[in-house]
Amino acid sequence: MRALIGMVLGLSLITGAEAGVPLSQVSHIHGLAVAGQGQLYLATHHGLWLASPDGTAEAVSETRDDFMGFSPHPTEPGTFYASGHPAGGGNLGFIVSRDAGKTWRQLAPGVRGPVDFHAMAVNPADPKVIYGAHGGLQVSRDGGQSWSIEAPLPKGLIALAAAAPDALYAATEEGLLLSRDGGRSWQVAYLVRRPTSLVYVGRDGIVYVFVVSVGLLGSAQGNWTRLQQDFGGGYLLHLAADPADPAKLYAVTNDGRILAS
């Protein structure tokens, strides 16, 4: 676990720059993906943006839809899934982009849709298995083309993260939960029962969670280690690792700051 602890040392704040659109103008970040070379995709209330290490950002998506849910494909670079609201109102259903976020199309409306998945997760072992939260736990086993409701949602759900083969984590207002049967039943995954604002599973299998008043935790093979406690009085909402280097982590705070480790 020493290597894991070292990952979160030396956090730096990505700030605005003199040229370009400063990140301070990109608000309501709902999701995060690493583009490489320090660039980040930011799914926001007003479309998808690409942020650069110099602290500037440029719009990527042709529309300014509200991407409330956002998940990159675990093995296909440039393929993103999302859900949320069109700029003109209503729900998007389950949508996909195969050109790195520039254009989008609806794959399915979802059960009782069009749905608005605020929480989504793609199974890294089998990307055809996708989870979404809307009127219950919806599951697709064909890459998002068809959906079924398979279980009720955990109380106070905030975020979902899938792990191989059928493990599913839920960050909730009452703590971190784990299901080993695809969401049909749940058990407590971390004994401190406090609001948990994020859960993320890296390609290396490490599970990251942020627990309010506890901090950022990492788990390898079920052993939890507190990695960082103080984030300037804020808490983390989203986290992503660089696919090329899992030691490079990026996070979004509740007050809109973007941190890099």
C-alpha atoms as a PDB file:
ATOM      1  CA  MET A   1       0.000   0.000   0.000  1.00  0.00           C
ATOM      2  CA  ARG A   2       2.988   2.377   0.234  1.00  0.00           C
ATOM      3  CA  ALA A   3       2.894   3.007  -3.508  1.00  0.00           C
ATOM      4  CA  LEU A   4      -0.800   3.736  -3.272  1.00  0.00           C
ATOM      5  CA  ILE A   5      -0.252   6.275  -0.504  1.00  0.00           C
ATOM      6  CA  GLY A   6       2.414   7.995  -2.575  1.00  0.00           C
ATOM      7  CA  MET A   7       0.022   8.582  -5.445  1.00  0.00           C
ATOM      8  CA  VAL A   8      -1.797  11.376  -3.665  1.00  0.00           C
ATOM      9  CA  LEU A   9       1.202  13.321  -2.416  1.00  0.00           C
ATOM     10  CA  GLY A  10       2.001  16.631  -4.106  1.00  0.00           C
ATOM     11  CA  LEU A  11      -1.469  17.804  -5.142  1.00  0.00           C
ATOM     12  CA  SER A  12      -1.416  20.853  -7.392  1.00  0.00           C
ATOM     13  CA  LEU A  13      -4.212  23.244  -8.291  1.00  0.00           C
ATOM     14  CA  ILE A  14      -4.941  23.824 -11.978  1.00  0.00           C
ATOM     15  CA  THR A  15      -5.783  27.506 -12.265  1.00  0.00           C
ATOM     16  CA  GLY A  16      -6.766  29.999 -14.937  1.00  0.00           C
ATOM     17  CA  ALA A  17      -4.372  31.500 -17.470  1.00  0.00           C
ATOM     18  CA  GLU A  18      -4.098  34.816 -19.260  1.00  0.00           C
ATOM     19  CA  ALA A  19      -5.074  33.492 -22.702  1.00  0.00           C
ATOM     20  CA  GLY A  20      -8.082  31.389 -23.694  1.00  0.00           C
ATOM     21  CA  VAL A  21     -11.226  30.623 -21.729  1.00  0.00           C
ATOM     22  CA  PRO A  22     -10.293  30.262 -18.044  1.00  0.00           C
ATOM     23  CA  LEU A  23     -11.528  27.224 -16.175  1.00  0.00           C
ATOM     24  CA  SER A  24     -13.343  29.552 -13.785  1.00  0.00           C
ATOM     25  CA  GLN A  25     -15.882  30.065 -16.587  1.00  0.00           C
ATOM     26  CA  VAL A  26     -16.589  26.313 -16.818  1.00  0.00           C
ATOM     27  CA  SER A  27     -19.061  25.587 -14.029  1.00  0.00           C
ATOM     28  CA  HIS A  28     -21.259  22.735 -12.804  1.00  0.00           C
ATOM     29  CA  ILE A  29     -18.844  19.888 -13.601  1.00  0.00           C
ATOM     30  CA  HIS A  30     -20.682  16.549 -13.506  1.00  0.00           C
ATOM     31  CA  GLY A  31     -18.036  14.174 -14.838  1.00  0.00           C
ATOM     32  CA  LEU A  32     -14.359  13.788 -15.658  1.00  0.00           C
ATOM     33  CA  ALA A  33     -12.195  11.831 -18.115  1.00  0.00           C
ATOM     34  CA  VAL A  34      -8.484  12.006 -18.919  1.00  0.00           C
ATOM     35  CA  ALA A  35      -7.600  12.859 -22.515  1.00  0.00           C
ATOM     36  CA  GLY A  36      -3.830  12.473 -22.151  1.00  0.00           C
ATOM     37  CA  GLN A  37      -0.929  14.936 -21.871  1.00  0.00           C
ATOM     38  CA  GLY A  38      -2.590  16.542 -18.874  1.00  0.00           C
ATOM     39  CA  GLN A  39      -5.803  17.345 -20.746  1.00  0.00           C
ATOM     40  CA  LEU A  40      -9.170  16.587 -19.203  1.00  0.00           C
ATOM     41  CA  TYR A  41     -12.668  16.192 -20.571  1.00  0.00           C
ATOM     42  CA  LEU A  42     -15.185  17.978 -18.340  1.00  0.00           C
ATOM     43  CA  ALA A  43     -18.857  17.012 -18.632  1.00  0.00           C
ATOM     44  CA  THR A  44     -20.806  20.045 -17.481  1.00  0.00           C
ATOM     45  CA  HIS A  45     -24.187  21.719 -17.237  1.00  0.00           C
ATOM     46  CA  HIS A  46     -23.377  23.366 -20.582  1.00  0.00           C
ATOM     47  CA  GLY A  47     -21.825  20.623 -22.723  1.00  0.00           C
ATOM     48  CA  LEU A  48     -18.459  18.865 -22.866  1.00  0.00           C
ATOM     49  CA  TRP A  49     -15.225  20.851 -22.490  1.00  0.00           C
ATOM     50  CA  LEU A  50     -11.541  20.034 -22.901  1.00  0.00           C
ATOM     51  CA  ALA A  51      -9.314  21.549 -20.208  1.00  0.00           C
ATOM     52  CA  SER A  52      -5.564  21.994 -20.687  1.00  0.00           C
ATOM     53  CA  PRO A  53      -2.729  22.179 -18.118  1.00  0.00           C
ATOM     54  CA  ASP A  54      -2.389  25.930 -18.730  1.00  0.00           C
ATOM     55  CA  GLY A  55      -5.754  26.425 -17.044  1.00  0.00           C
ATOM     56  CA  THR A  56      -7.775  27.154 -20.181  1.00  0.00           C
ATOM     57  CA  ALA A  57     -10.670  25.207 -21.655  1.00  0.00           C
ATOM     58  CA  GLU A  58     -12.391  24.919 -25.020  1.00  0.00           C
ATOM     59  CA  ALA A  59     -15.862  23.651 -25.898  1.00  0.00           C
ATOM     60  CA  VAL A  60     -15.932  20.203 -27.539  1.00  0.00           C
ATOM     61  CA  SER A  61     -19.585  19.265 -27.995  1.00  0.00           C
ATOM     62  CA  GLU A  62     -21.615  20.914 -30.731  1.00  0.00           C
ATOM     63  CA  THR A  63     -24.539  21.294 -28.317  1.00  0.00           C
ATOM     64  CA  ARG A  64     -24.687  22.746 -24.816  1.00  0.00           C
ATOM     65  CA  ASP A  65     -26.706  19.907 -23.318  1.00  0.00           C
ATOM     66  CA  ASP A  66     -26.526  19.191 -19.595  1.00  0.00           C
ATOM     67  CA  PHE A  67     -24.519  15.981 -19.117  1.00  0.00           C
ATOM     68  CA  MET A  68     -25.652  14.979 -15.612  1.00  0.00           C
ATOM     69  CA  GLY A  69     -24.277  11.466 -16.068  1.00  0.00           C
ATOM     70  CA  PHE A  70     -21.004  10.823 -17.908  1.00  0.00           C
ATOM     71  CA  SER A  71     -18.807   7.735 -18.365  1.00  0.00           C
ATOM     72  CA  PRO A  72     -15.902   7.135 -20.762  1.00  0.00           C
ATOM     73  CA  HIS A  73     -15.729   3.718 -22.412  1.00  0.00           C
ATOM     74  CA  PRO A  74     -13.047   1.732 -20.527  1.00  0.00           C
ATOM     75  CA  THR A  75     -11.338   0.287 -23.636  1.00  0.00           C
ATOM     76  CA  GLU A  76     -12.352   2.504 -26.585  1.00  0.00           C
ATOM     77  CA  PRO A  77     -10.650   5.931 -26.508  1.00  0.00           C
ATOM     78  CA  GLY A  78     -12.944   8.672 -27.756  1.00  0.00           C
ATOM     79  CA  THR A  79     -16.154   6.798 -26.935  1.00  0.00           C
ATOM     80  CA  PHE A  80     -18.231   8.448 -24.208  1.00  0.00           C
ATOM     81  CA  TYR A  81     -21.614   7.689 -22.691  1.00  0.00           C
ATOM     82  CA  ALA A  82     -23.854  10.308 -21.105  1.00  0.00           C
ATOM     83  CA  SER A  83     -27.331  11.178 -19.936  1.00  0.00           C
ATOM     84  CA  GLY A  84     -29.029  14.300 -18.654  1.00  0.00           C
ATOM     85  CA  HIS A  85     -31.034  17.130 -20.186  1.00  0.00           C
ATOM     86  CA  PRO A  86     -31.147  18.816 -23.597  1.00  0.00           C
ATOM     87  CA  ALA A  87     -30.408  22.521 -23.558  1.00  0.00           C
ATOM     88  CA  GLY A  88     -34.087  23.144 -24.335  1.00  0.00           C
ATOM     89  CA  GLY A  89     -35.391  20.991 -21.461  1.00  0.00           C
ATOM     90  CA  GLY A  90     -36.535  17.391 -20.978  1.00  0.00           C
ATOM     91  CA  ASN A  91     -34.340  14.285 -20.737  1.00  0.00           C
ATOM     92  CA  LEU A  92     -31.665  12.986 -23.112  1.00  0.00           C
ATOM     93  CA  GLY A  93     -32.103   9.270 -22.520  1.00  0.00           C
ATOM     94  CA  PHE A  94     -28.895   7.233 -22.857  1.00  0.00           C
ATOM     95  CA  ILE A  95     -26.588   8.823 -25.442  1.00  0.00           C
ATOM     96  CA  VAL A  96     -23.209   8.022 -26.986  1.00  0.00           C
ATOM     97  CA  SER A  97     -20.404   9.892 -28.721  1.00  0.00           C
ATOM     98  CA  ARG A  98     -17.819   8.069 -30.825  1.00  0.00           C
ATOM     99  CA  ASP A  99     -15.858  11.141 -31.906  1.00  0.00           C
ATOM    100  CA  ALA A 100     -14.478  12.256 -28.521  1.00  0.00           C
ATOM    101  CA  GLY A 101     -17.569  14.188 -27.528  1.00  0.00           C
ATOM    102  CA  LYS A 102     -18.152  16.350 -30.588  1.00  0.00           C
ATOM    103  CA  THR A 103     -21.428  14.761 -31.705  1.00  0.00           C
ATOM    104  CA  TRP A 104     -23.926  12.637 -29.778  1.00  0.00           C
ATOM    105  CA  ARG A 105     -26.863  10.372 -30.558  1.00  0.00           C
ATOM    106  CA  GLN A 106     -29.394   8.554 -28.414  1.00  0.00           C
ATOM    107  CA  LEU A 107     -28.815   4.804 -28.137  1.00  0.00           C
ATOM    108  CA  ALA A 108     -31.964   4.170 -26.094  1.00  0.00           C
ATOM    109  CA  PRO A 109     -34.589   6.074 -24.116  1.00  0.00           C
ATOM    110  CA  GLY A 110     -34.223   3.652 -21.164  1.00  0.00           C
ATOM    111  CA  VAL A 111     -37.062   2.157 -19.146  1.00  0.00           C
ATOM    112  CA  ARG A 112     -39.933   4.645 -18.784  1.00  0.00           C
ATOM    113  CA  GLY A 113     -37.723   7.083 -20.618  1.00  0.00           C
ATOM    114  CA  PRO A 114     -36.290   9.185 -21.858  1.00  0.00           C
ATOM    115  CA  VAL A 115     -34.216   8.706 -18.714  1.00  0.00           C
ATOM    116  CA  ASP A 116     -31.955  11.121 -16.873  1.00  0.00           C
ATOM    117  CA  PHE A 117     -29.138   9.050 -15.360  1.00  0.00           C
ATOM    118  CA  HIS A 118     -27.444  11.192 -12.715  1.00  0.00           C
ATOM    119  CA  ALA A 119     -25.367   8.138 -11.729  1.00  0.00           C
ATOM    120  CA  MET A 120     -23.888   5.757 -14.307  1.00  0.00           C
ATOM    121  CA  ALA A 121     -21.233   3.039 -14.402  1.00  0.00           C
ATOM    122  CA  VAL A 122     -19.684   0.871 -17.118  1.00  0.00           C
ATOM    123  CA  ASN A 123     -18.339  -2.542 -16.159  1.00  0.00           C
ATOM    124  CA  PRO A 124     -14.589  -2.516 -16.999  1.00  0.00           C
ATOM    125  CA  ALA A 125     -14.496  -6.299 -17.459  1.00  0.00           C
ATOM    126  CA  ASP A 126     -17.469  -6.295 -19.844  1.00  0.00           C
ATOM    127  CA  PRO A 127     -18.246  -2.801 -21.224  1.00  0.00           C
ATOM    128  CA  LYS A 128     -21.535  -4.073 -22.638  1.00  0.00           C
ATOM    129  CA  VAL A 129     -22.818  -4.104 -19.042  1.00  0.00           C
ATOM    130  CA  ILE A 130     -23.839  -0.586 -18.034  1.00  0.00           C
ATOM    131  CA  TYR A 131     -25.719   0.640 -14.952  1.00  0.00           C
ATOM    132  CA  GLY A 132     -27.894   3.734 -14.626  1.00  0.00           C
ATOM    133  CA  ALA A 133     -30.023   5.257 -11.869  1.00  0.00           C
ATOM    134  CA  HIS A 134     -33.530   6.343 -12.886  1.00  0.00           C
ATOM    135  CA  GLY A 135     -36.682   4.985 -11.266  1.00  0.00           C
ATOM    136  CA  GLY A 136     -34.608   2.070  -9.952  1.00  0.00           C
ATOM    137  CA  LEU A 137     -31.313   0.460 -10.907  1.00  0.00           C
ATOM    138  CA  GLN A 138     -31.428   0.100 -14.678  1.00  0.00           C
ATOM    139  CA  VAL A 139     -29.055  -2.346 -16.369  1.00  0.00           C
ATOM    140  CA  SER A 140     -28.092  -2.807 -20.009  1.00  0.00           C
ATOM    141  CA  ARG A 141     -26.255  -5.923 -21.152  1.00  0.00           C
ATOM    142  CA  ASP A 142     -25.926  -4.971 -24.810  1.00  0.00           C
ATOM    143  CA  GLY A 143     -23.905  -1.763 -24.629  1.00  0.00           C
ATOM    144  CA  GLY A 144     -26.814   0.533 -23.860  1.00  0.00           C
ATOM    145  CA  GLN A 145     -29.232  -0.443 -26.623  1.00  0.00           C
ATOM    146  CA  SER A 146     -31.834  -1.979 -24.296  1.00  0.00           C
ATOM    147  CA  TRP A 147     -32.484  -1.605 -20.566  1.00  0.00           C
ATOM    148  CA  SER A 148     -34.317  -3.287 -17.703  1.00  0.00           C
ATOM    149  CA  ILE A 149     -34.940  -2.320 -14.083  1.00  0.00           C
ATOM    150  CA  GLU A 150     -33.361  -5.036 -11.954  1.00  0.00           C
ATOM    151  CA  ALA A 151     -33.421  -3.649  -8.399  1.00  0.00           C
ATOM    152  CA  PRO A 152     -34.391  -0.667  -6.253  1.00  0.00           C
ATOM    153  CA  LEU A 153     -31.787   2.058  -5.803  1.00  0.00           C
ATOM    154  CA  PRO A 154     -29.837   2.296  -2.531  1.00  0.00           C
ATOM    155  CA  LYS A 155     -31.193   5.045  -0.299  1.00  0.00           C
ATOM    156  CA  GLY A 156     -29.523   8.418  -0.852  1.00  0.00           C
ATOM    157  CA  LEU A 157     -27.522   7.305  -3.901  1.00  0.00           C
ATOM    158  CA  ILE A 158     -24.873   9.763  -5.098  1.00  0.00           C
ATOM    159  CA  ALA A 159     -22.578   7.781  -7.420  1.00  0.00           C
ATOM    160  CA  LEU A 160     -21.975   4.306  -8.862  1.00  0.00           C
ATOM    161  CA  ALA A 161     -18.788   2.496  -9.875  1.00  0.00           C
ATOM    162  CA  ALA A 162     -18.543  -0.991 -11.384  1.00  0.00           C
ATOM    163  CA  ALA A 163     -15.774  -3.525 -10.868  1.00  0.00           C
ATOM    164  CA  ALA A 164     -15.171  -6.949 -12.338  1.00  0.00           C
ATOM    165  CA  PRO A 165     -16.997  -9.207 -12.629  1.00  0.00           C
ATOM    166  CA  ASP A 166     -20.346  -8.312 -10.951  1.00  0.00           C
ATOM    167  CA  ALA A 167     -19.214  -5.972  -8.176  1.00  0.00           C
ATOM    168  CA  LEU A 168     -20.947  -2.598  -7.990  1.00  0.00           C
ATOM    169  CA  TYR A 169     -20.118   0.182  -5.519  1.00  0.00           C
ATOM    170  CA  ALA A 170     -22.584   2.838  -4.423  1.00  0.00           C
ATOM    171  CA  ALA A 171     -21.590   6.122  -2.785  1.00  0.00           C
ATOM    172  CA  THR A 172     -24.568   7.234  -0.726  1.00  0.00           C
ATOM    173  CA  GLU A 173     -25.576   9.843   1.837  1.00  0.00           C
ATOM    174  CA  GLU A 174     -25.235   7.126   4.484  1.00  0.00           C
ATOM    175  CA  GLY A 175     -21.888   5.660   3.447  1.00  0.00           C
ATOM    176  CA  LEU A 176     -20.241   3.323   0.949  1.00  0.00           C
ATOM    177  CA  LEU A 177     -22.048   0.157  -0.127  1.00  0.00           C
ATOM    178  CA  LEU A 178     -20.934  -2.850  -2.170  1.00  0.00           C
ATOM    179  CA  SER A 179     -23.024  -5.280  -4.194  1.00  0.00           C
ATOM    180  CA  ARG A 180     -21.517  -8.525  -5.437  1.00  0.00           C
ATOM    181  CA  ASP A 181     -24.550  -9.476  -7.523  1.00  0.00           C
ATOM    182  CA  GLY A 182     -24.952  -6.492  -9.826  1.00  0.00           C
ATOM    183  CA  GLY A 183     -27.022  -4.369  -7.442  1.00  0.00           C
ATOM    184  CA  ARG A 184     -29.611  -6.875  -6.270  1.00  0.00           C
ATOM    185  CA  SER A 185     -28.303  -6.861  -2.693  1.00  0.00           C
ATOM    186  CA  TRP A 186     -25.946  -4.541  -0.784  1.00  0.00           C
ATOM    187  CA  GLN A 187     -23.565  -4.618   2.162  1.00  0.00           C
ATOM    188  CA  VAL A 188     -21.553  -1.951   3.977  1.00  0.00           C
ATOM    189  CA  ALA A 189     -18.136  -1.561   2.323  1.00  0.00           C
ATOM    190  CA  TYR A 190     -16.605   0.976   4.724  1.00  0.00           C
ATOM    191  CA  LEU A 191     -17.552   0.953   8.394  1.00  0.00           C
ATOM    192  CA  VAL A 192     -17.577   4.725   8.934  1.00  0.00           C
ATOM    193  CA  ARG A 193     -21.150   5.599   7.935  1.00  0.00           C
ATOM    194  CA  ARG A 194     -20.842   9.164   6.693  1.00  0.00           C
ATOM    195  CA  PRO A 195     -21.862  10.813   3.414  1.00  0.00           C
ATOM    196  CA  THR A 196     -19.680   9.512   0.581  1.00  0.00           C
ATOM    197  CA  SER A 197     -19.445  11.916  -2.335  1.00  0.00           C
ATOM    198  CA  LEU A 198     -17.582   9.779  -4.876  1.00  0.00           C
ATOM    199  CA  VAL A 199     -16.486   6.259  -5.714  1.00  0.00           C
ATOM    200  CA  TYR A 200     -14.120   5.420  -8.571  1.00  0.00           C
ATOM    201  CA  VAL A 201     -12.509   2.150  -9.662  1.00  0.00           C
ATOM    202  CA  GLY A 202      -9.240   2.474 -11.571  1.00  0.00           C
ATOM    203  CA  ARG A 203      -8.015   0.150 -14.291  1.00  0.00           C
ATOM    204  CA  ASP A 204      -5.490  -1.198 -11.809  1.00  0.00           C
ATOM    205  CA  GLY A 205      -8.362  -2.320  -9.557  1.00  0.00           C
ATOM    206  CA  ILE A 206      -7.793   0.291  -6.845  1.00  0.00           C
ATOM    207  CA  VAL A 207     -11.035   1.689  -5.439  1.00  0.00           C
ATOM    208  CA  TYR A 208     -11.100   5.366  -4.444  1.00  0.00           C
ATOM    209  CA  VAL A 209     -13.793   6.948  -2.284  1.00  0.00           C
ATOM    210  CA  PHE A 210     -14.247  10.305  -0.612  1.00  0.00           C
ATOM    211  CA  VAL A 211     -15.950  10.201   2.774  1.00  0.00           C
ATOM    212  CA  VAL A 212     -16.969  13.514   4.318  1.00  0.00           C
ATOM    213  CA  SER A 213     -14.938  14.324   7.467  1.00  0.00           C
ATOM    214  CA  VAL A 214     -12.633  11.364   6.714  1.00  0.00           C
ATOM    215  CA  GLY A 215     -11.011  12.244   3.378  1.00  0.00           C
ATOM    216  CA  LEU A 216      -9.895  10.408   0.265  1.00  0.00           C
ATOM    217  CA  LEU A 217      -9.468   6.663   0.784  1.00  0.00           C
ATOM    218  CA  GLY A 218      -7.929   3.983  -1.419  1.00  0.00           C
ATOM    219  CA  SER A 219      -8.457   0.255  -1.265  1.00  0.00           C
ATOM    220  CA  ALA A 220      -6.433  -2.527  -2.810  1.00  0.00           C
ATOM    221  CA  GLN A 221      -7.838  -5.998  -2.099  1.00  0.00           C
ATOM    222  CA  GLY A 222     -10.239  -4.697   0.523  1.00  0.00           C
ATOM    223  CA  ASN A 223      -7.721  -2.866   2.742  1.00  0.00           C
ATOM    224  CA  TRP A 224      -8.589   0.821   3.156  1.00  0.00           C
ATOM    225  CA  THR A 225      -5.924   3.505   3.525  1.00  0.00           C
ATOM    226  CA  ARG A 226      -6.562   7.206   4.018  1.00  0.00           C
ATOM    227  CA  LEU A 227      -4.594   8.966   1.292  1.00  0.00           C
ATOM    228  CA  GLN A 228      -5.397  12.628   1.881  1.00  0.00           C
ATOM    229  CA  GLN A 229      -7.601  14.410   4.416  1.00  0.00           C
ATOM    230  CA  ASP A 230      -7.359  18.128   3.785  1.00  0.00           C
ATOM    231  CA  PHE A 231      -8.601  19.574   0.484  1.00  0.00           C
ATOM    232  CA  GLY A 232      -8.770  23.183   1.561  1.00  0.00           C
ATOM    233  CA  GLY A 233     -12.034  22.757   3.407  1.00  0.00           C
ATOM    234  CA  GLY A 234     -13.793  21.221   0.406  1.00  0.00           C
ATOM    235  CA  TYR A 235     -14.654  17.705  -0.634  1.00  0.00           C
ATOM    236  CA  LEU A 236     -14.216  15.738  -3.870  1.00  0.00           C
ATOM    237  CA  LEU A 237     -17.060  15.113  -6.296  1.00  0.00           C
ATOM    238  CA  HIS A 238     -15.343  13.366  -9.225  1.00  0.00           C
ATOM    239  CA  LEU A 239     -12.054  11.543  -9.763  1.00  0.00           C
ATOM    240  CA  ALA A 240     -10.312   9.981 -12.767  1.00  0.00           C
ATOM    241  CA  ALA A 241      -6.977   8.310 -13.432  1.00  0.00           C
ATOM    242  CA  ASP A 242      -4.845   8.624 -16.555  1.00  0.00           C
ATOM    243  CA  PRO A 243      -5.362   5.409 -18.593  1.00  0.00           C
ATOM    244  CA  ALA A 244      -1.670   5.457 -19.537  1.00  0.00           C
ATOM    245  CA  ASP A 245      -0.478   5.956 -15.946  1.00  0.00           C
ATOM    246  CA  PRO A 246      -2.848   5.063 -13.070  1.00  0.00           C
ATOM    247  CA  ALA A 247      -0.610   7.018 -10.661  1.00  0.00           C
ATOM    248  CA  LYS A 248      -1.758  10.278 -12.288  1.00  0.00           C
ATOM    249  CA  LEU A 249      -5.029  11.284 -10.640  1.00  0.00           C
ATOM    250  CA  TYR A 250      -7.343  14.220 -11.289  1.00  0.00           C
ATOM    251  CA  ALA A 251     -10.239  15.377  -9.135  1.00  0.00           C
ATOM    252  CA  VAL A 252     -12.985  18.002  -9.056  1.00  0.00           C
ATOM    253  CA  THR A 253     -13.972  19.629  -5.761  1.00  0.00           C
ATOM    254  CA  ASN A 254     -17.379  20.826  -4.632  1.00  0.00           C
ATOM    255  CA  ASP A 255     -16.321  24.451  -5.243  1.00  0.00           C
ATOM    256  CA  GLY A 256     -15.195  23.790  -8.827  1.00  0.00           C
ATOM    257  CA  ARG A 257     -11.438  23.445  -8.329  1.00  0.00           C
ATOM    258  CA  ILE A 258      -9.565  20.863 -10.403  1.00  0.00           C
ATOM    259  CA  LEU A 259      -6.738  19.065  -8.616  1.00  0.00           C
ATOM    260  CA  ALA A 260      -3.939  16.961 -10.067  1.00  0.00           C
ATOM    261  CA  SER A 261      -1.748  14.395  -8.341  1.00  0.00           C
END
